[in-house]
Amino acid sequence: MTMELVNDHDPKPLYYQFRAERTGSFEWEYLDQGPEVWRVAIRKVEDRG
């Protein structure tokens, strides 16, 4: 499952929140890095347990 986030600024604080609360359960990939539009693909990593 992938969610695409589109924002008008770097969503780095959201990355840190995901990392703190969901370590190992997501992948974060920048698709566009500004300066006007930031796009990030956030993918859920399958539980292999």
C-alpha atoms as a PDB file:
ATOM      1  CA  MET A   1       0.000   0.000   0.000  1.00  0.00           C
ATOM      2  CA  THR A   2       1.354   3.443  -0.951  1.00  0.00           C
ATOM      3  CA  MET A   3       0.139   6.903  -0.029  1.00  0.00           C
ATOM      4  CA  GLU A   4       1.347   9.946  -1.957  1.00  0.00           C
ATOM      5  CA  LEU A   5       1.649  13.161   0.031  1.00  0.00           C
ATOM      6  CA  VAL A   6       1.661  16.502  -1.826  1.00  0.00           C
ATOM      7  CA  ASN A   7       2.657  19.584   0.147  1.00  0.00           C
ATOM      8  CA  ASP A   8       3.887  23.161  -0.282  1.00  0.00           C
ATOM      9  CA  HIS A   9       6.896  22.604   2.015  1.00  0.00           C
ATOM     10  CA  ASP A  10       9.218  19.782   3.031  1.00  0.00           C
ATOM     11  CA  PRO A  11       7.207  17.367   5.217  1.00  0.00           C
ATOM     12  CA  LYS A  12      10.354  16.275   7.112  1.00  0.00           C
ATOM     13  CA  PRO A  13       8.661  16.691  10.557  1.00  0.00           C
ATOM     14  CA  LEU A  14       6.090  14.088   9.482  1.00  0.00           C
ATOM     15  CA  TYR A  15       8.936  11.755   8.532  1.00  0.00           C
ATOM     16  CA  TYR A  16      10.389  12.088  12.035  1.00  0.00           C
ATOM     17  CA  GLN A  17       6.986  11.366  13.577  1.00  0.00           C
ATOM     18  CA  PHE A  18       6.535   8.255  11.424  1.00  0.00           C
ATOM     19  CA  ARG A  19      10.049   7.138  12.353  1.00  0.00           C
ATOM     20  CA  ALA A  20       9.359   7.610  16.068  1.00  0.00           C
ATOM     21  CA  GLU A  21       5.975   5.863  16.052  1.00  0.00           C
ATOM     22  CA  ARG A  22       6.250   3.349  13.166  1.00  0.00           C
ATOM     23  CA  THR A  23       9.924   2.367  12.976  1.00  0.00           C
ATOM     24  CA  GLY A  24      10.472  -0.313  10.359  1.00  0.00           C
ATOM     25  CA  SER A  25       6.905  -0.290   9.085  1.00  0.00           C
ATOM     26  CA  PHE A  26       7.207   2.284   6.283  1.00  0.00           C
ATOM     27  CA  GLU A  27       9.403   3.497   3.438  1.00  0.00           C
ATOM     28  CA  TRP A  28       9.713   7.195   2.600  1.00  0.00           C
ATOM     29  CA  GLU A  29      10.653   8.284  -0.932  1.00  0.00           C
ATOM     30  CA  TYR A  30      10.822  11.846  -2.216  1.00  0.00           C
ATOM     31  CA  LEU A  31       9.290  12.136  -5.692  1.00  0.00           C
ATOM     32  CA  ASP A  32       9.670  15.957  -5.935  1.00  0.00           C
ATOM     33  CA  GLN A  33      11.692  18.156  -3.583  1.00  0.00           C
ATOM     34  CA  GLY A  34      10.395  21.674  -4.078  1.00  0.00           C
ATOM     35  CA  PRO A  35      10.800  24.498  -4.152  1.00  0.00           C
ATOM     36  CA  GLU A  36       7.051  24.917  -4.791  1.00  0.00           C
ATOM     37  CA  VAL A  37       5.740  21.350  -4.553  1.00  0.00           C
ATOM     38  CA  TRP A  38       6.988  18.491  -2.414  1.00  0.00           C
ATOM     39  CA  ARG A  39       5.747  14.968  -3.208  1.00  0.00           C
ATOM     40  CA  VAL A  40       6.515  11.958  -1.058  1.00  0.00           C
ATOM     41  CA  ALA A  41       5.565   8.302  -1.508  1.00  0.00           C
ATOM     42  CA  ILE A  42       4.986   6.622   1.851  1.00  0.00           C
ATOM     43  CA  ARG A  43       4.794   2.851   1.569  1.00  0.00           C
ATOM     44  CA  LYS A  44       3.649   0.415   4.203  1.00  0.00           C
ATOM     45  CA  VAL A  45       6.169  -2.367   4.732  1.00  0.00           C
ATOM     46  CA  GLU A  46       4.529  -5.763   5.030  1.00  0.00           C
ATOM     47  CA  ASP A  47       4.769  -7.466   8.413  1.00  0.00           C
ATOM     48  CA  ARG A  48       6.892 -10.540   7.927  1.00  0.00           C
ATOM     49  CA  GLY A  49       6.151 -11.997  11.344  1.00  0.00           C
END
